[in-house]
């Protein structure tokens, strides 16, 4: 028994010694790790460390392992703040947006959120409007979503997402839906009232005929609006262009004149076409015809009686317009002697449903979509549309599109095929004045 007690005592003493030795070794190892960490992740400014204008060093290293890699792949711009509100890490987008300047957070609202999160450890998310960088207009701020979260025990992570474009697109979508609803409601409501009037006047043939005529006008207006909404939906993707072919400019002009023949004759407006002939574009014939037709139709609708609308064509070098000698452009200008467009309206006339004179547009059956379609057609064909106008003198809309080539006939002799025959317009063909743009 005494031997067993002695043995147990000896084992206990040995175990205690091993435990003390392990504890001392662990403590020493911990100190060495802390000492090494302070050498590598300390607050001293090392070569390559950025120093802001306030003298606060901006470090790239005191982040937990793997965090730097995660931040580099985030779509949102990221900012990591240290204990003294200094910027420890910031993405290039944060500098581009003006959120970080001189090694410090430049937006006081975000800094206040970071301080609050550092105090209580709670994650916060808000939407703010911040000034644009570079001293841009204060009336046009950036809309951002800010999410602030603790990163370890000392750091704070600020993630910022730019919502400006998303807000703009949402506003355009809301306006478009509201405008479409309003525009559709007008002819539909008129048709409903007219149908009731026809029913009430069933014993009056003259009244029925009059109301039926009005119903036909409203039905035509409704069909035109629906068709233009369909056309706009097809061309609003500026990168999409299908069914391309060589398109003779002379035929596009003949179609546009024929489209406006009746309203022009009713107002005794002369449509004159002139300029360089035998020009070709390369694109979607239907879209090009719609664009030019809308320009001529607008010119007729907004011109007083007994005036002239001129359509001029010419071939120009792209260097004269774009400053780049990479080809030739076909310029088609439509000039009227109408009411003109004010300077404030010229900035918005290509917006959907925008009208210079709403009362006149409703009287002529305009939908407010024609010029928007023209803009998208020009963009999809890698061209431009411009406007020159003076109130009381008239306007000139100018389409500039890349020049195309005449189609080669089936015999393969290299000679251009003859353009398809078109109905000769009744409008007199005269040399058009030089386009103003």
Protein backbone atom coordinates (compact mmCIF):
# COMPACT_ATOMS: atom_id res chain seq x y z
CA UNK A 1 0.00 0.00 0.00
CA UNK A 2 2.81 2.43 0.87
CA UNK A 3 4.42 1.65 -2.45
CA UNK A 4 1.19 2.47 -4.31
CA UNK A 5 0.76 5.75 -2.47
CA UNK A 6 4.32 6.74 -3.26
CA UNK A 7 3.83 5.86 -6.92
CA UNK A 8 0.64 7.91 -7.14
CA UNK A 9 2.30 10.86 -5.51
CA UNK A 10 5.19 10.70 -7.94
CA UNK A 11 2.80 10.58 -10.93
CA UNK A 12 0.86 13.58 -9.63
CA UNK A 13 4.02 15.63 -9.21
CA UNK A 14 5.13 14.69 -12.75
CA UNK A 15 1.75 15.62 -14.23
CA UNK A 16 1.78 18.97 -12.46
CA UNK A 17 5.20 19.71 -13.90
CA UNK A 18 4.09 18.84 -17.43
CA UNK A 19 1.00 21.06 -17.07
CA UNK A 20 3.04 24.03 -15.83
CA UNK A 21 5.50 23.56 -18.66
CA UNK A 22 2.71 23.49 -21.29
CA UNK A 23 1.07 26.59 -19.83
CA UNK A 24 4.33 28.50 -19.88
CA UNK A 25 5.00 27.39 -23.47
CA UNK A 26 1.49 28.39 -24.60
CA UNK A 27 1.79 31.79 -22.96
CA UNK A 28 5.19 32.39 -24.54
CA UNK A 29 3.84 31.39 -27.95
CA UNK A 30 0.89 33.75 -27.56
CA UNK A 31 3.19 36.65 -26.75
CA UNK A 32 5.36 35.90 -29.75
CA UNK A 33 2.34 35.85 -32.04
CA UNK A 34 1.09 39.15 -30.67
CA UNK A 35 4.56 40.64 -31.01
CA UNK A 36 4.78 39.42 -34.62
CA UNK A 37 1.30 40.75 -35.38
CA UNK A 38 2.22 44.17 -34.05
CA UNK A 39 5.27 44.17 -36.29
CA UNK A 40 3.23 43.30 -39.41
CA UNK A 41 -0.14 44.89 -38.65
CA UNK A 42 0.83 47.76 -36.45
CA UNK A 43 -0.04 51.42 -36.86
CA UNK A 44 3.37 52.46 -38.04
CA UNK A 45 3.60 53.92 -41.51
CA UNK A 46 5.55 51.53 -43.71
CA UNK A 47 6.95 52.09 -47.20
CA UNK A 48 4.01 52.08 -49.62
CA UNK A 49 1.50 53.14 -46.95
CA UNK A 50 -0.59 56.10 -48.10
CA UNK A 51 -0.81 59.11 -45.83
CA UNK A 52 -3.75 61.46 -46.12
CA UNK A 53 -3.67 65.23 -45.93
CA UNK A 54 -4.54 65.02 -42.24
CA UNK A 55 -1.43 62.95 -41.52
CA UNK A 56 -3.53 59.83 -40.83
CA UNK A 57 -1.90 56.78 -42.45
CA UNK A 58 -4.11 54.67 -44.66
CA UNK A 59 -3.11 51.03 -44.11
CA UNK A 60 -3.70 48.09 -46.37
CA UNK A 61 -2.94 45.24 -43.96
CA UNK A 62 -4.69 45.19 -40.56
CA UNK A 63 -7.64 43.21 -41.88
CA UNK A 64 -8.59 39.71 -40.74
CA UNK A 65 -7.33 36.97 -43.01
CA UNK A 66 -9.37 36.64 -46.20
CA UNK A 67 -11.32 39.88 -45.77
CA UNK A 68 -9.14 41.77 -48.26
CA UNK A 69 -9.90 39.17 -50.94
CA UNK A 70 -13.63 39.30 -50.22
CA UNK A 71 -13.70 43.10 -50.44
CA UNK A 72 -11.92 43.04 -53.80
CA UNK A 73 -14.74 41.03 -55.44
CA UNK A 74 -17.69 42.95 -54.00
CA UNK A 75 -19.81 44.89 -56.49
CA UNK A 76 -20.46 47.59 -53.90
CA UNK A 77 -17.71 50.04 -53.07
CA UNK A 78 -16.18 49.16 -49.69
CA UNK A 79 -14.58 51.26 -46.97
CA UNK A 80 -13.01 49.90 -43.77
CA UNK A 81 -12.61 52.37 -40.90
CA UNK A 82 -10.23 51.93 -37.99
CA UNK A 83 -10.64 52.85 -34.33
CA UNK A 84 -9.80 56.50 -34.96
CA UNK A 85 -12.15 56.80 -37.99
CA UNK A 86 -9.15 56.55 -40.29
CA UNK A 87 -9.63 54.76 -43.60
CA UNK A 88 -7.86 51.41 -43.33
CA UNK A 89 -9.02 50.12 -46.69
CA UNK A 90 -11.08 51.62 -49.51
CA UNK A 91 -11.94 50.43 -53.01
CA UNK A 92 -11.18 52.56 -56.05
CA UNK A 93 -14.92 53.16 -56.51
CA UNK A 94 -15.05 54.87 -53.11
CA UNK A 95 -12.46 57.39 -54.27
CA UNK A 96 -14.18 57.83 -57.66
CA UNK A 97 -17.50 58.60 -55.95
CA UNK A 98 -15.83 61.13 -53.68
CA UNK A 99 -16.63 59.19 -50.49
CA UNK A 100 -12.98 59.12 -49.39
CA UNK A 101 -10.68 62.11 -49.55
CA UNK A 102 -7.27 62.53 -48.00
CA UNK A 103 -7.42 59.21 -46.18
CA UNK A 104 -10.66 60.08 -44.38
CA UNK A 105 -14.37 59.53 -44.87
CA UNK A 106 -15.73 62.58 -46.71
CA UNK A 107 -19.45 62.05 -45.98
CA UNK A 108 -20.39 63.05 -42.46
CA UNK A 109 -23.62 61.02 -42.44
CA UNK A 110 -21.74 57.81 -43.21
CA UNK A 111 -19.13 58.63 -40.58
CA UNK A 112 -21.86 59.10 -37.95
CA UNK A 113 -23.34 55.71 -38.86
CA UNK A 114 -19.92 54.08 -38.53
CA UNK A 115 -19.38 55.59 -35.09
CA UNK A 116 -22.78 54.41 -33.90
CA UNK A 117 -22.09 50.88 -35.16
CA UNK A 118 -18.69 50.87 -33.43
CA UNK A 119 -20.39 51.76 -30.13
CA UNK A 120 -23.20 49.21 -30.10
CA UNK A 121 -22.17 46.64 -32.73
CA UNK A 122 -25.49 46.87 -34.59
CA UNK A 123 -25.74 46.61 -38.38
CA UNK A 124 -27.31 49.67 -39.99
CA UNK A 125 -28.64 50.26 -43.50
CA UNK A 126 -29.95 53.56 -44.89
CA UNK A 127 -30.40 55.29 -48.26
CA UNK A 128 -28.75 58.68 -48.66
CA UNK A 129 -28.13 61.35 -51.28
CA UNK A 130 -24.52 62.50 -51.49
CA UNK A 131 -22.97 65.24 -53.65
CA UNK A 132 -21.36 64.17 -56.90
CA UNK A 133 -17.55 64.30 -57.00
CA UNK A 134 -15.69 67.07 -58.75
CA UNK A 135 -17.90 69.92 -57.56
CA UNK A 136 -20.88 68.87 -59.66
CA UNK A 137 -24.28 70.47 -59.27
CA UNK A 138 -25.76 70.00 -55.81
CA UNK A 139 -29.18 69.62 -57.42
CA UNK A 140 -28.04 66.40 -59.07
CA UNK A 141 -26.74 64.22 -56.19
CA UNK A 142 -25.92 60.53 -56.15
CA UNK A 143 -28.52 58.21 -54.62
CA UNK A 144 -26.73 55.52 -52.61
CA UNK A 145 -27.60 52.65 -50.30
CA UNK A 146 -25.26 52.46 -47.27
CA UNK A 147 -24.80 49.35 -45.12
CA UNK A 148 -22.56 49.60 -42.03
CA UNK A 149 -21.44 46.56 -40.02
CA UNK A 150 -18.75 45.77 -37.41
CA UNK A 151 -15.70 43.95 -38.73
CA UNK A 152 -14.10 42.22 -35.77
CA UNK A 153 -13.85 44.09 -32.50
CA UNK A 154 -12.15 47.25 -33.76
CA UNK A 155 -12.95 47.83 -37.42
CA UNK A 156 -16.14 49.00 -39.15
CA UNK A 157 -17.10 48.02 -42.69
CA UNK A 158 -19.07 50.48 -44.87
CA UNK A 159 -20.60 49.15 -48.10
CA UNK A 160 -22.03 51.70 -50.54
CA UNK A 161 -24.09 50.88 -53.62
CA UNK A 162 -24.87 53.52 -56.26
CA UNK A 163 -28.62 53.56 -56.95
CA UNK A 164 -28.67 56.64 -59.20
CA UNK A 165 -29.18 54.84 -62.53
CA UNK A 166 -31.68 52.44 -61.00
CA UNK A 167 -33.72 55.34 -59.61
CA UNK A 168 -33.65 57.10 -62.98
CA UNK A 169 -34.82 53.99 -64.83
CA UNK A 170 -37.58 53.41 -62.29
CA UNK A 171 -38.74 57.01 -62.70
CA UNK A 172 -38.77 56.66 -66.49
CA UNK A 173 -40.75 53.42 -66.21
CA UNK A 174 -43.30 55.00 -63.85
CA UNK A 175 -43.72 58.02 -66.11
CA UNK A 176 -44.06 55.79 -69.17
CA UNK A 177 -46.77 53.64 -67.57
CA UNK A 178 -48.63 56.72 -66.32
CA UNK A 179 -48.44 58.41 -69.72
CA UNK A 180 -49.53 55.30 -71.61
CA UNK A 181 -52.48 54.87 -69.27
CA UNK A 182 -53.50 58.50 -69.74
CA UNK A 183 -53.10 58.42 -73.52
CA UNK A 184 -55.07 55.19 -73.87
CA UNK A 185 -57.80 56.40 -71.55
CA UNK A 186 -58.62 59.42 -73.72
CA UNK A 187 -59.65 57.63 -76.96
CA UNK A 188 -61.18 54.70 -75.09
CA UNK A 189 -63.33 57.08 -73.04
CA UNK A 190 -64.31 58.99 -76.16
CA UNK A 191 -65.33 55.79 -77.92
CA UNK A 192 -67.45 54.78 -74.94
CA UNK A 193 -69.28 58.12 -74.86
CA UNK A 194 -69.77 58.16 -78.64
CA UNK A 195 -71.19 54.64 -78.62
CA UNK A 196 -73.73 55.74 -76.00
CA UNK A 197 -74.58 58.77 -78.14
CA UNK A 198 -75.13 56.55 -81.19
CA UNK A 199 -77.45 54.31 -79.19
CA UNK A 200 -79.46 57.30 -77.96
CA UNK A 201 -79.68 58.79 -81.47
CA UNK A 202 -80.70 55.59 -83.23
CA UNK A 203 -83.75 57.34 -84.74
CA UNK A 204 -81.65 60.25 -86.10
CA UNK A 205 -79.59 59.07 -89.11
CA UNK A 206 -77.74 62.38 -89.40
CA UNK A 207 -76.59 62.27 -85.76
CA UNK A 208 -75.60 58.61 -86.09
CA UNK A 209 -73.48 59.43 -89.12
CA UNK A 210 -71.82 62.33 -87.30
CA UNK A 211 -71.06 60.26 -84.19
CA UNK A 212 -69.83 57.36 -86.31
CA UNK A 213 -67.35 59.70 -87.99
CA UNK A 214 -66.05 60.80 -84.61
CA UNK A 215 -65.76 57.17 -83.54
CA UNK A 216 -63.68 56.43 -86.61
CA UNK A 217 -61.33 59.32 -85.77
CA UNK A 218 -60.88 58.12 -82.17
CA UNK A 219 -60.39 54.51 -83.31
CA UNK A 220 -57.70 55.64 -85.75
CA UNK A 221 -56.01 57.62 -83.01
CA UNK A 222 -56.10 54.61 -80.69
CA UNK A 223 -54.67 52.32 -83.36
CA UNK A 224 -51.91 54.83 -84.11
CA UNK A 225 -50.98 55.07 -80.43
CA UNK A 226 -50.86 51.29 -79.99
CA UNK A 227 -48.76 50.91 -83.14
CA UNK A 228 -46.27 53.56 -82.01
CA UNK A 229 -45.95 51.92 -78.59
CA UNK A 230 -45.16 48.65 -80.40
CA UNK A 231 -42.64 50.42 -82.66
CA UNK A 232 -40.97 52.06 -79.67
CA UNK A 233 -40.68 48.75 -77.82
CA UNK A 234 -38.91 47.29 -80.87
CA UNK A 235 -36.34 50.06 -81.30
CA UNK A 236 -35.65 51.17 -77.72
CA UNK A 237 -32.83 48.64 -77.40
CA UNK A 238 -30.22 50.72 -79.23
CA UNK A 239 -27.96 47.68 -79.74
CA UNK A 240 -30.58 45.59 -81.52
CA UNK A 241 -30.77 45.73 -85.33
CA UNK A 242 -32.28 42.90 -87.36
CA UNK A 243 -33.38 42.37 -90.98
CA UNK A 244 -30.76 44.75 -92.37
CA UNK A 245 -30.58 45.43 -96.10
CA UNK A 246 -29.54 48.18 -98.55
CA UNK A 247 -32.26 50.84 -98.39
CA UNK A 248 -32.60 53.52 -101.12
CA UNK A 249 -32.99 56.95 -99.57
CA UNK A 250 -35.15 58.11 -102.49
CA UNK A 251 -37.70 55.42 -101.68
CA UNK A 252 -37.77 56.38 -98.00
CA UNK A 253 -38.48 59.99 -98.98
CA UNK A 254 -41.22 58.93 -101.43
CA UNK A 255 -42.89 56.84 -98.70
CA UNK A 256 -42.69 59.71 -96.19
CA UNK A 257 -44.24 62.16 -98.69
CA UNK A 258 -46.99 59.70 -99.58
CA UNK A 259 -47.74 59.15 -95.89
CA UNK A 260 -48.35 62.87 -95.38
CA UNK A 261 -50.01 63.60 -98.71
CA UNK A 262 -53.54 64.04 -97.36
CA UNK A 263 -52.85 66.29 -94.32
CA UNK A 264 -50.43 68.37 -96.40
CA UNK A 265 -53.03 68.86 -99.16
CA UNK A 266 -55.68 69.82 -96.59
CA UNK A 267 -53.40 72.64 -95.32
CA UNK A 268 -52.04 73.51 -98.80
CA UNK A 269 -48.51 72.69 -97.63
CA UNK A 270 -45.97 71.97 -100.36
CA UNK A 271 -43.53 69.13 -99.62
CA UNK A 272 -40.37 69.63 -101.68
CA UNK A 273 -37.53 67.10 -101.93
CA UNK A 274 -34.08 67.72 -103.35
CA UNK A 275 -30.37 67.21 -102.92
CA UNK A 276 -28.11 64.31 -103.83
CA UNK A 277 -29.86 61.32 -105.38
CA UNK A 278 -29.11 57.59 -105.55
CA UNK A 279 -28.01 57.38 -101.91
CA UNK A 280 -28.29 54.20 -99.87
CA UNK A 281 -28.44 53.34 -96.20
CA UNK A 282 -27.76 49.95 -94.64
CA UNK A 283 -30.32 49.05 -92.01
CA UNK A 284 -33.84 48.02 -91.19
CA UNK A 285 -36.13 49.45 -93.87
CA UNK A 286 -39.23 49.56 -91.66
CA UNK A 287 -37.46 51.44 -88.86
CA UNK A 288 -35.84 53.94 -91.23
CA UNK A 289 -39.15 54.58 -92.98
CA UNK A 290 -40.88 55.13 -89.62
CA UNK A 291 -38.19 57.59 -88.48
CA UNK A 292 -38.25 59.74 -91.62
CA UNK A 293 -42.05 59.52 -91.84
CA UNK A 294 -42.37 60.81 -88.27
CA UNK A 295 -40.11 63.78 -89.04
CA UNK A 296 -42.09 64.76 -92.14
CA UNK A 297 -45.42 64.21 -90.39
CA UNK A 298 -44.34 66.44 -87.48
CA UNK A 299 -43.23 69.13 -89.93
CA UNK A 300 -46.64 69.12 -91.61
CA UNK A 301 -48.60 69.03 -88.35
CA UNK A 302 -46.71 71.95 -86.81
CA UNK A 303 -46.67 74.17 -89.91
CA UNK A 304 -49.27 76.81 -90.73
CA UNK A 305 -51.24 76.55 -93.97
CA UNK A 306 -49.71 77.55 -97.32
CA UNK A 307 -46.11 77.00 -96.22
CA UNK A 308 -43.41 74.60 -97.40
CA UNK A 309 -41.68 71.55 -95.95
CA UNK A 310 -38.30 70.76 -97.54
CA UNK A 311 -36.47 67.42 -97.47
CA UNK A 312 -32.78 67.63 -98.37
CA UNK A 313 -30.21 64.84 -98.75
CA UNK A 314 -26.46 64.85 -99.14
CA UNK A 315 -23.38 62.71 -98.56
CA UNK A 316 -20.85 64.04 -96.05
CA UNK A 317 -17.62 62.83 -94.49
CA UNK A 318 -17.87 61.61 -90.91
CA UNK A 319 -14.75 63.67 -90.16
CA UNK A 320 -16.78 66.85 -90.66
CA UNK A 321 -19.22 65.78 -87.93
CA UNK A 322 -17.43 63.34 -85.65
CA UNK A 323 -13.85 64.42 -86.24
CA UNK A 324 -13.02 60.86 -87.28
CA UNK A 325 -12.27 59.91 -90.87
CA UNK A 326 -13.83 56.45 -90.63
CA UNK A 327 -16.40 56.62 -93.43
CA UNK A 328 -19.21 58.62 -94.97
CA UNK A 329 -22.58 59.69 -93.62
CA UNK A 330 -25.90 60.27 -95.33
CA UNK A 331 -27.56 63.43 -94.04
CA UNK A 332 -31.33 63.79 -94.37
CA UNK A 333 -32.81 67.07 -93.16
CA UNK A 334 -36.46 68.02 -92.83
CA UNK A 335 -37.09 71.78 -92.69
CA UNK A 336 -40.41 73.48 -91.98
CA UNK A 337 -41.69 77.03 -91.64
CA UNK A 338 -43.70 76.26 -88.54
CA UNK A 339 -44.05 77.58 -85.02
CA UNK A 340 -40.51 76.66 -83.98
CA UNK A 341 -39.35 75.19 -80.68
CA UNK A 342 -38.22 77.13 -77.62
CA UNK A 343 -34.82 76.48 -76.10
CA UNK A 344 -36.23 74.80 -72.98
CA UNK A 345 -38.40 72.50 -75.11
CA UNK A 346 -35.52 71.54 -77.42
CA UNK A 347 -33.88 69.72 -74.51
CA UNK A 348 -36.93 67.48 -74.02
CA UNK A 349 -38.61 66.96 -77.38
CA UNK A 350 -37.08 63.48 -77.80
CA UNK A 351 -38.61 62.26 -74.53
CA UNK A 352 -41.57 59.88 -74.70
CA UNK A 353 -44.97 61.60 -74.73
CA UNK A 354 -43.43 65.08 -74.47
CA UNK A 355 -45.30 67.71 -76.50
CA UNK A 356 -44.25 71.27 -77.25
CA UNK A 357 -47.90 72.30 -77.51
CA UNK A 358 -50.21 69.66 -75.96
CA UNK A 359 -53.36 71.36 -77.26
CA UNK A 360 -52.08 71.42 -80.84
CA UNK A 361 -50.85 67.82 -80.59
CA UNK A 362 -54.23 66.57 -79.46
CA UNK A 363 -55.92 68.52 -82.25
CA UNK A 364 -53.66 66.88 -84.85
CA UNK A 365 -53.81 63.43 -83.26
CA UNK A 366 -50.17 63.37 -82.16
CA UNK A 367 -49.10 60.75 -79.64
CA UNK A 368 -45.86 62.29 -78.38
CA UNK A 369 -43.88 59.17 -79.32
CA UNK A 370 -42.72 60.05 -82.84
CA UNK A 371 -39.48 61.85 -81.98
CA UNK A 372 -38.60 59.27 -79.33
CA UNK A 373 -38.85 56.60 -82.03
CA UNK A 374 -36.64 58.71 -84.32
CA UNK A 375 -33.97 59.00 -81.61
CA UNK A 376 -33.88 55.24 -80.96
CA UNK A 377 -33.84 54.37 -84.67
CA UNK A 378 -30.90 56.71 -85.21
CA UNK A 379 -29.02 55.20 -82.26
CA UNK A 380 -29.66 51.61 -83.36
CA UNK A 381 -28.25 52.47 -86.82
CA UNK A 382 -25.15 54.10 -85.25
CA UNK A 383 -26.35 57.55 -86.25
CA UNK A 384 -27.59 60.76 -84.67
CA UNK A 385 -30.52 63.14 -84.87
CA UNK A 386 -30.18 66.88 -84.23
CA UNK A 387 -32.56 69.83 -84.20
CA UNK A 388 -32.19 73.50 -85.11
CA UNK A 389 -35.09 75.80 -84.38
CA UNK A 390 -36.09 79.41 -83.85
CA UNK A 391 -39.51 80.30 -82.49
CA UNK A 392 -41.70 81.78 -85.20
CA UNK A 393 -39.29 80.85 -88.02
CA UNK A 394 -39.36 77.06 -88.18
CA UNK A 395 -37.27 74.02 -87.40
CA UNK A 396 -34.84 71.65 -89.08
CA UNK A 397 -34.43 68.05 -87.93
CA UNK A 398 -31.32 66.36 -89.30
CA UNK A 399 -30.70 62.62 -89.43
CA UNK A 400 -27.09 61.54 -89.97
CA UNK A 401 -26.62 57.83 -90.65
CA UNK A 402 -23.68 55.75 -91.94
CA UNK A 403 -23.74 55.45 -95.73
CA UNK A 404 -24.59 52.12 -97.29
CA UNK A 405 -23.96 50.56 -100.70
CA UNK A 406 -26.31 49.84 -103.56
CA UNK A 407 -27.23 46.15 -103.91
CA UNK A 408 -25.49 44.13 -106.61
CA UNK A 409 -27.81 42.56 -109.22
CA UNK A 410 -28.25 38.83 -109.55
CA UNK A 411 -26.10 38.64 -112.75
CA UNK A 412 -23.05 39.45 -110.67
CA UNK A 413 -21.69 42.04 -113.12
CA UNK A 414 -21.10 44.48 -110.26
CA UNK A 415 -23.67 47.01 -111.43
CA UNK A 416 -26.17 48.30 -108.89
CA UNK A 417 -29.68 46.95 -109.09
CA UNK A 418 -32.36 49.39 -110.09
CA UNK A 419 -34.39 50.74 -107.17
CA UNK A 420 -37.90 49.45 -106.86
CA UNK A 421 -40.42 51.66 -108.57
CA UNK A 422 -42.55 53.86 -106.35
CA UNK A 423 -45.59 56.00 -106.88
CA UNK A 424 -44.57 59.50 -107.89
CA UNK A 425 -45.63 61.93 -105.13
CA UNK A 426 -47.94 64.74 -106.13
CA UNK A 427 -45.83 67.29 -104.26
CA UNK A 428 -43.62 69.40 -106.48
CA UNK A 429 -39.94 68.42 -106.34
CA UNK A 430 -37.75 71.46 -105.80
CA UNK A 431 -34.17 71.94 -104.62
CA UNK A 432 -34.31 72.02 -100.83
CA UNK A 433 -32.54 74.71 -98.82
CA UNK A 434 -29.30 73.91 -97.05
CA UNK A 435 -30.04 72.04 -93.80
CA UNK A 436 -29.56 74.02 -90.63
CA UNK A 437 -28.08 72.04 -87.75
